[in-house]
Protein backbone atom coordinates (compact mmCIF):
# COMPACT_ATOMS: atom_id res chain seq x y z
CA MET A 1 0.00 0.00 0.00
CA THR A 2 1.32 3.42 -0.84
CA THR A 3 2.00 6.02 1.82
CA ASN A 4 -0.84 8.30 0.79
CA ALA A 5 -3.27 5.48 1.49
CA ILE A 6 -2.57 5.96 5.16
CA LEU A 7 -3.72 9.56 5.39
CA ALA A 8 -5.93 11.84 3.40
CA ALA A 9 -3.79 13.97 1.10
CA GLU A 10 -4.52 17.21 2.84
CA SER A 11 -3.56 15.74 6.23
CA LEU A 12 -0.23 14.58 4.83
CA LYS A 13 0.60 18.03 3.50
CA ALA A 14 -0.22 19.65 6.83
CA MET A 15 1.75 17.15 8.89
CA PRO A 16 4.92 18.68 10.38
CA THR A 17 8.10 16.67 10.82
CA PRO A 18 8.91 16.30 14.55
CA GLN A 19 11.93 18.31 15.64
CA PRO A 20 14.09 17.60 18.69
CA ASN A 21 13.41 21.02 20.23
CA PRO A 22 13.36 21.48 24.03
CA ALA A 23 10.28 22.27 26.08
CA VAL A 24 9.28 25.80 25.01
CA PRO A 25 12.97 26.70 24.64
CA SER A 26 14.39 30.05 25.55
CA PRO A 27 17.21 31.41 23.38
CA GLY A 28 19.73 30.21 25.94
CA ASP A 29 18.42 26.63 25.67
CA ARG A 30 18.90 26.25 21.92
CA SER A 31 22.59 25.43 21.91
CA SER A 32 22.00 22.71 24.49
CA ALA A 33 19.22 21.22 22.41
CA ASP A 34 21.52 21.09 19.41
CA ARG A 35 24.11 19.22 21.44
CA VAL A 36 21.53 16.66 22.57
CA ALA A 37 20.90 15.64 18.97
CA ALA A 38 24.45 14.27 18.68
CA THR A 39 24.79 10.72 19.96
CA PRO A 40 28.22 9.97 21.53
CA SER A 41 30.44 7.83 19.31
CA ASP A 42 31.89 4.52 20.49
CA ASP A 43 35.31 6.20 20.77
CA GLU A 44 33.85 8.83 23.09
CA ARG A 45 32.16 6.14 25.15
CA TRP A 46 35.37 4.13 25.39
CA SER A 47 37.21 7.23 26.51
CA ALA A 48 34.61 7.70 29.27
CA VAL A 49 35.08 4.06 30.32
CA LEU A 50 38.86 4.46 30.52
CA ARG A 51 38.39 7.58 32.68
CA ARG A 52 35.77 5.81 34.82
CA ASP A 53 33.70 8.93 34.23
CA ALA A 54 30.67 8.77 36.54
CA ALA A 55 29.07 11.67 34.65
CA HIS A 56 28.21 9.16 31.91
CA ASP A 57 26.61 6.63 34.27
CA GLY A 58 23.04 6.04 33.14
CA GLU A 59 23.73 7.19 29.57
CA PHE A 60 25.08 3.84 28.39
CA VAL A 61 26.56 0.56 29.58
CA PHE A 62 29.50 -1.39 28.19
CA ALA A 63 29.50 -5.17 27.86
CA VAL A 64 32.55 -7.46 27.85
CA SER A 65 32.32 -10.49 25.57
CA SER A 66 35.04 -12.41 27.43
CA THR A 67 33.13 -12.30 30.74
CA GLY A 68 29.51 -11.98 29.58
CA VAL A 69 29.03 -9.04 31.98
CA TYR A 70 27.91 -5.45 31.39
CA CYS A 71 28.90 -2.47 33.58
CA ARG A 72 28.38 1.24 34.05
CA PRO A 73 31.20 3.51 32.77
CA SER A 74 32.51 4.22 36.30
CA CYS A 75 32.79 0.55 37.30
CA PRO A 76 35.95 0.13 39.46
CA ALA A 77 36.78 -3.25 37.90
CA ARG A 78 39.84 -3.68 35.70
CA ARG A 79 39.41 -2.27 32.18
CA PRO A 80 38.90 -4.93 29.47
CA ARG A 81 40.49 -5.05 26.02
CA ARG A 82 38.80 -2.67 23.59
CA GLU A 83 38.12 -5.44 21.06
CA ASN A 84 36.05 -7.30 23.68
CA VAL A 85 33.80 -4.32 24.44
CA GLN A 86 30.34 -3.56 23.05
CA PHE A 87 28.20 -0.54 23.97
CA PHE A 88 24.47 -0.44 24.67
CA SER A 89 22.20 2.51 25.44
CA GLY A 90 20.71 0.72 28.45
CA PRO A 91 20.71 -2.48 30.55
CA GLU A 92 17.64 -3.88 28.75
CA LEU A 93 19.43 -4.02 25.40
CA ALA A 94 22.53 -5.54 26.98
CA GLU A 95 20.46 -8.28 28.60
CA GLN A 96 18.61 -8.94 25.36
CA ALA A 97 22.03 -9.57 23.80
CA GLY A 98 22.76 -12.18 26.48
CA TYR A 99 24.87 -10.22 28.99
CA ARG A 100 24.30 -10.14 32.76
CA ALA A 101 24.69 -7.21 35.16
CA CYS A 102 27.96 -6.66 37.01
CA LEU A 103 27.55 -7.46 40.71
CA ARG A 104 30.20 -4.92 41.63
CA CYS A 105 28.85 -1.70 40.05
CA ARG A 106 25.19 -2.81 39.71
CA PRO A 107 24.37 -0.82 36.54
CA LYS A 108 20.75 -1.88 36.51
CA SER A 109 20.00 -0.16 39.83
CA LEU A 110 21.25 3.09 38.34
CA SER A 111 19.02 2.65 35.29
CA GLU A 112 16.02 2.09 37.54
CA ALA A 113 16.90 5.20 39.54
CA LYS A 114 17.22 7.16 36.31
CA SER A 115 13.79 5.94 35.18
CA ASP A 116 12.33 7.00 38.51
CA GLY A 117 13.88 10.44 38.05
CA VAL A 118 12.34 10.77 34.60
CA LYS A 119 8.98 9.67 35.99
CA ALA A 120 9.22 12.50 38.51
CA VAL A 121 9.84 14.98 35.68
CA CYS A 122 6.82 13.55 33.83
CA ARG A 123 4.58 13.99 36.87
CA TYR A 124 5.79 17.58 37.26
CA ILE A 125 5.06 18.34 33.60
CA GLU A 126 1.58 16.83 33.88
CA GLN A 127 0.79 19.01 36.90
CA HIS A 128 1.99 22.26 35.24
CA LEU A 129 0.65 22.01 31.70
CA ASP A 130 -0.96 25.45 31.99
CA GLU A 131 2.39 27.11 32.76
CA PRO A 132 5.47 27.86 30.63
CA LEU A 133 7.78 24.84 30.92
CA THR A 134 11.30 25.69 29.79
CA LEU A 135 14.29 23.42 30.17
CA ALA A 136 15.81 26.04 32.46
CA ARG A 137 12.80 25.82 34.79
CA LEU A 138 12.85 22.02 34.81
CA GLY A 139 16.58 22.07 35.48
CA ARG A 140 16.13 24.35 38.50
CA GLU A 141 13.29 22.24 39.85
CA PHE A 142 15.28 18.97 39.64
CA ARG A 143 18.74 20.45 40.26
CA GLN A 144 20.19 19.40 36.91
CA SER A 145 21.60 21.33 34.00
CA PRO A 146 19.04 21.77 31.17
CA PHE A 147 21.38 19.85 28.85
CA HIS A 148 21.69 16.76 31.07
CA LEU A 149 18.03 16.78 32.09
CA GLN A 150 16.89 16.66 28.47
CA ARG A 151 19.55 14.11 27.56
CA ARG A 152 18.52 11.72 30.32
CA PHE A 153 14.81 12.29 29.67
CA LYS A 154 15.20 11.50 25.98
CA ALA A 155 17.37 8.46 26.70
CA VAL A 156 14.55 6.92 28.76
CA LEU A 157 11.43 7.98 26.82
CA GLY A 158 12.80 8.67 23.35
CA ILE A 159 11.24 12.16 23.22
CA THR A 160 12.08 15.58 24.67
CA PRO A 161 10.28 17.15 27.66
CA ARG A 162 8.61 19.55 25.25
CA ALA A 163 7.29 16.71 23.09
CA TYR A 164 6.02 14.95 26.22
CA ALA A 165 4.22 18.11 27.37
CA ASP A 166 2.66 18.51 23.92
CA SER A 167 1.46 14.89 23.94
CA CYS A 168 -0.08 15.37 27.42
CA ARG A 169 -1.91 18.51 26.30
CA LEU A 170 -3.17 16.80 23.17
CA ARG A 171 -4.38 13.73 25.12
CA LEU A 172 -6.20 15.93 27.62
CA LEU A 173 -7.68 18.03 24.84
CA LYS A 174 -9.01 14.96 23.03
CA ARG A 175 -10.52 13.63 26.25
CA ASN A 176 -12.26 16.94 26.96
CA LEU A 177 -13.54 17.31 23.40
CA GLN A 178 -14.87 13.74 23.41
CA ALA A 179 -16.65 14.52 26.68
CA GLY A 180 -18.53 17.32 24.89
CA ASP A 181 -16.72 20.34 26.36
CA SER A 182 -16.65 23.48 24.23
CA VAL A 183 -13.47 24.04 22.25
CA THR A 184 -12.58 27.07 24.37
CA ARG A 185 -13.01 25.25 27.67
CA ALA A 186 -11.21 22.14 26.43
CA MET A 187 -8.41 24.37 25.17
CA TYR A 188 -7.74 26.12 28.47
CA ASP A 189 -8.27 23.00 30.59
CA ALA A 190 -5.59 21.25 28.51
CA GLY A 191 -3.12 24.07 29.10
CA TYR A 192 -3.19 25.84 25.73
CA GLY A 193 -2.78 29.58 26.09
CA SER A 194 -4.58 30.84 23.00
CA SER A 195 -6.88 29.65 20.27
CA SER A 196 -4.33 30.41 17.55
CA ARG A 197 -1.73 28.29 19.33
CA LEU A 198 -4.26 25.51 19.74
CA TYR A 199 -5.19 25.40 16.07
CA GLU A 200 -1.57 25.64 14.97
CA ARG A 201 -0.40 22.75 17.12
CA THR A 202 -3.36 20.41 17.05
CA ALA A 203 -4.98 20.60 13.62
CA SER A 204 -2.30 18.42 12.04
CA GLN A 205 -2.08 16.08 15.03
CA LEU A 206 -5.84 15.57 15.19
CA GLY A 207 -6.13 15.35 11.42
CA MET A 208 -8.84 18.03 11.55
CA THR A 209 -9.71 21.21 13.44
CA PRO A 210 -10.53 20.81 17.15
CA ASP A 211 -14.14 21.79 16.51
CA LYS A 212 -14.54 19.10 13.86
CA TYR A 213 -12.85 16.55 16.13
CA ARG A 214 -15.29 17.49 18.90
CA ARG A 215 -18.20 16.70 16.64
CA GLY A 216 -16.62 13.35 15.84
CA ALA A 217 -16.56 14.02 12.11
CA ILE A 218 -20.29 14.58 12.32
CA ALA A 219 -20.49 15.59 8.66
CA ALA A 220 -19.27 12.14 7.63
CA THR A 221 -21.09 8.84 7.83
CA ILE A 222 -19.23 5.84 9.18
CA ARG A 223 -20.45 2.52 7.84
CA TYR A 224 -19.60 -0.70 9.65
CA THR A 225 -20.21 -4.42 9.65
CA CYS A 226 -19.32 -7.37 11.88
CA ALA A 227 -18.26 -10.87 10.86
CA ASP A 228 -16.70 -14.07 12.17
CA SER A 229 -12.93 -14.40 11.80
CA PRO A 230 -10.15 -16.76 12.95
CA LEU A 231 -9.64 -14.35 15.85
CA GLY A 232 -13.25 -14.08 16.99
CA ARG A 233 -15.74 -11.42 16.00
CA MET A 234 -14.35 -8.72 13.74
CA LEU A 235 -15.67 -5.20 13.05
CA ILE A 236 -14.60 -3.12 10.10
CA ALA A 237 -15.70 0.49 9.68
CA ALA A 238 -15.21 2.91 6.80
CA THR A 239 -15.77 6.48 5.73
CA GLU A 240 -16.31 7.44 2.12
CA ARG A 241 -12.50 7.52 1.72
CA GLY A 242 -11.64 4.10 3.13
CA LEU A 243 -11.32 1.90 6.21
CA CYS A 244 -11.02 3.81 9.47
CA ALA A 245 -11.21 0.90 11.94
CA ILE A 246 -10.61 -2.86 12.09
CA LYS A 247 -11.26 -4.29 15.54
CA PHE A 248 -11.52 -7.71 17.21
CA GLY A 249 -13.65 -8.65 20.20
CA ARG A 250 -15.83 -11.26 21.83
CA SER A 251 -19.18 -9.86 20.74
CA ASP A 252 -20.76 -7.41 18.32
CA GLY A 253 -21.98 -5.30 21.22
CA GLU A 254 -18.46 -4.87 22.58
CA LEU A 255 -17.13 -3.89 19.14
CA ILE A 256 -19.93 -1.43 18.36
CA GLU A 257 -19.52 0.22 21.75
CA GLY A 258 -15.80 0.66 21.04
CA LEU A 259 -16.60 2.27 17.69
CA LYS A 260 -19.05 4.61 19.43
CA ARG A 261 -16.38 5.71 21.93
CA GLU A 262 -13.92 6.40 19.13
CA PHE A 263 -16.41 8.38 17.01
CA PRO A 264 -18.94 9.64 19.59
CA PHE A 265 -20.78 12.13 17.38
CA ALA A 266 -20.48 10.47 13.98
CA VAL A 267 -23.43 8.99 12.10
CA ARG A 268 -22.84 5.25 12.34
CA LYS A 269 -24.72 2.95 9.98
CA ARG A 270 -24.52 -0.81 9.66
CA ASP A 271 -23.82 -1.82 6.06
CA ASP A 272 -23.23 -5.54 5.58
CA GLY A 273 -23.60 -5.45 1.80
CA GLU A 274 -21.24 -2.70 0.64
CA LEU A 275 -18.44 -3.75 3.01
CA GLU A 276 -18.67 -7.47 2.20
CA SER A 277 -15.82 -7.41 -0.35
CA TRP A 278 -13.44 -5.84 2.18
CA VAL A 279 -14.44 -8.40 4.81
CA GLU A 280 -13.74 -11.22 2.34
CA ALA A 281 -10.35 -9.75 1.44
CA LEU A 282 -9.35 -9.57 5.10
CA LEU A 283 -10.55 -13.11 5.79
CA ARG A 284 -8.64 -14.50 2.80
CA HIS A 285 -5.52 -12.87 4.16
CA MET A 286 -6.09 -14.06 7.73
CA HIS A 287 -6.59 -17.64 6.51
CA GLY A 288 -3.35 -17.42 4.55
CA ARG A 289 -5.00 -17.67 1.13
CA ASP A 290 -4.07 -14.15 0.02
CA LYS A 291 -0.72 -12.78 1.13
CA GLU A 292 -1.14 -9.26 -0.28
CA PRO A 293 -4.65 -8.00 0.47
CA ALA A 294 -3.67 -4.70 2.08
CA SER A 295 -2.59 -3.17 -1.22
CA SER A 296 -6.20 -3.18 -2.38
CA LEU A 297 -7.70 -1.74 0.81
CA PRO A 298 -7.96 2.07 0.99
CA LEU A 299 -7.42 3.53 4.44
CA ASP A 300 -8.68 6.74 6.01
CA ILE A 301 -6.91 7.09 9.35
CA ARG A 302 -5.34 9.93 11.31
CA ALA A 303 -1.68 9.71 12.22
CA THR A 304 1.23 11.78 13.40
CA ALA A 305 4.23 11.99 11.10
CA PHE A 306 6.07 9.42 13.25
CA GLN A 307 3.12 7.01 13.32
CA ARG A 308 2.80 7.32 9.57
CA ARG A 309 6.46 6.36 9.10
CA VAL A 310 6.11 3.34 11.38
CA TRP A 311 2.83 2.15 9.85
CA THR A 312 4.13 2.55 6.30
CA TYR A 313 7.14 0.42 7.18
CA LEU A 314 4.93 -2.23 8.81
CA GLN A 315 3.09 -2.62 5.51
CA SER A 316 6.39 -3.48 3.84
CA ILE A 317 7.09 -6.48 6.12
CA PRO A 318 6.54 -9.62 4.01
CA PHE A 319 3.83 -12.13 4.85
CA GLY A 320 5.24 -14.68 7.31
CA ALA A 321 8.13 -12.44 8.40
CA THR A 322 8.63 -10.51 11.64
CA ARG A 323 10.71 -7.58 12.81
CA SER A 324 11.74 -6.37 16.25
CA TYR A 325 10.82 -2.95 17.61
CA ARG A 326 14.49 -2.00 17.46
CA GLN A 327 14.86 -3.12 13.83
CA ILE A 328 11.91 -0.94 12.83
CA ALA A 329 13.31 2.05 14.72
CA GLN A 330 16.59 1.63 12.86
CA ALA A 331 14.84 1.16 9.52
CA ILE A 332 12.95 4.46 9.79
CA GLY A 333 16.06 6.35 10.84
CA LYS A 334 15.23 6.61 14.56
CA PRO A 335 17.48 3.97 16.18
CA ARG A 336 16.75 5.17 19.73
CA ALA A 337 12.97 5.21 19.29
CA ALA A 338 12.10 1.55 19.90
CA ARG A 339 9.65 2.47 22.66
CA ALA A 340 7.96 5.04 20.44
CA VAL A 341 7.65 2.35 17.76
CA ALA A 342 5.90 0.13 20.31
CA ARG A 343 3.46 2.95 21.12
CA ALA A 344 2.74 3.47 17.41
CA CYS A 345 1.97 -0.24 17.06
CA ALA A 346 -0.33 -0.12 20.09
CA THR A 347 -2.35 2.75 18.59
CA ASN A 348 -2.79 1.19 15.14
CA PRO A 349 -6.56 1.49 14.42
CA VAL A 350 -6.70 -0.98 11.51
CA ALA A 351 -5.48 -4.40 12.61
CA VAL A 352 -4.18 -6.74 9.87
CA ALA A 353 -4.35 -4.04 7.18
CA ILE A 354 -1.38 -2.48 8.99
CA PRO A 355 0.26 -5.67 10.31
CA CYS A 356 1.51 -4.59 13.73
CA HIS A 357 1.22 -8.25 14.80
CA ARG A 358 4.46 -8.88 12.86
CA VAL A 359 6.44 -6.86 15.39
CA ILE A 360 8.01 -8.87 18.20
CA ARG A 361 10.62 -8.35 20.88
CA GLU A 362 14.29 -8.75 20.09
CA ASP A 363 14.48 -11.96 22.13
CA GLY A 364 11.74 -13.52 19.98
CA SER A 365 8.93 -13.23 22.53
CA MET A 366 5.53 -11.93 21.46
CA GLY A 367 5.54 -8.49 23.09
CA GLY A 368 2.23 -6.64 23.35
CA TYR A 369 -0.78 -6.53 21.04
CA ARG A 370 -3.80 -4.26 21.25
CA TRP A 371 -6.21 -7.14 20.64
CA GLY A 372 -4.55 -9.68 22.93
CA ILE A 373 -1.47 -11.88 22.83
CA GLU A 374 -3.45 -15.00 21.86
CA ARG A 375 -4.75 -13.28 18.72
CA LYS A 376 -1.23 -12.12 17.83
CA LYS A 377 0.10 -15.64 18.29
CA ALA A 378 -2.70 -17.06 16.14
CA LEU A 379 -1.98 -14.62 13.30
CA LEU A 380 1.73 -15.42 13.33
CA GLU A 381 1.02 -19.15 13.34
CA ILE A 382 -1.27 -18.78 10.34
CA GLU A 383 1.34 -16.77 8.47
CA SER A 384 4.11 -19.24 9.27
CA GLY A 385 2.01 -22.12 7.96
CA VAL A 386 1.37 -23.65 11.39
CA GLY A 387 -2.18 -22.42 11.77
CA ILE A 388 -5.29 -23.26 9.83
């Protein structure tokens, strides 16, 4: 499926490319933000290890192939040979590669402490969304330099404090609009300072103006149908442009209620006849009789620029193949964004058409799936030739 099948053309043109800018940066913060974008090279990391530089603890770990152990840069143990050393951005990746934590420097405890520190920053941001949140202010609050605070924050979450604040505001705005609040009230309750700022920042993210989102695309009719599938009951829904939802559940009532929550003010009409061909195409694919059905299915779904990149790549994964979250992050040019890739998979609104079930953990385990691990396992078994 081509990229422009994922979004309406006008939404694609309006979609900005995410930039690694700090949280509402002041002029003095900009140089620090630029420095964050540069990832330390292996030579720089090795130099930090030789110096036992504690300032780099929590930024990466180094693993020693001859011992099978990974350590923090400041570990007091004897330095290994350079050719036996491999670097990882965190303990999780080192353990996925088969290394175990050093009992002397305990690098995992530091990583957990760092995650707790980032969680504290997140809670602070969530509680002050209606106030200016600069890196300088966050640094003063948590007694860190703006540069190191953003660096550590991004290392854990994959996004900057500013991007996290924007996502919190957008989530709160969507919740308020779905609850029926006026645009003005929803705007100020979510922490936006002016209507112009709201429309500038949210129109592309929502895929429409806030007022239109509030009405749940009321001008459009959403047709839907339910059918049996190898994964239980399946609902597909479509606008005049294409499929906007593919869901799985235990009953039609559960599925229809979910569609109502997603499009609370839309006109929803059951249409078993017109959608039958799309149902049949999906079922042929799920039974393994048609390995390329998605190319013929038009989609009409909202997405951020990052989600669009992830979902487009997912559609390129061959039938019967899988990729890890890290492989996808590397493939789209964001090697440190594995967690963000996982979030994009979890928010995929059209199961199977965008095959997020083909994404697994690096150790080969299933990982998460919006519609349940058993359904993900069943799909992968069908595609590998094990299933029915």
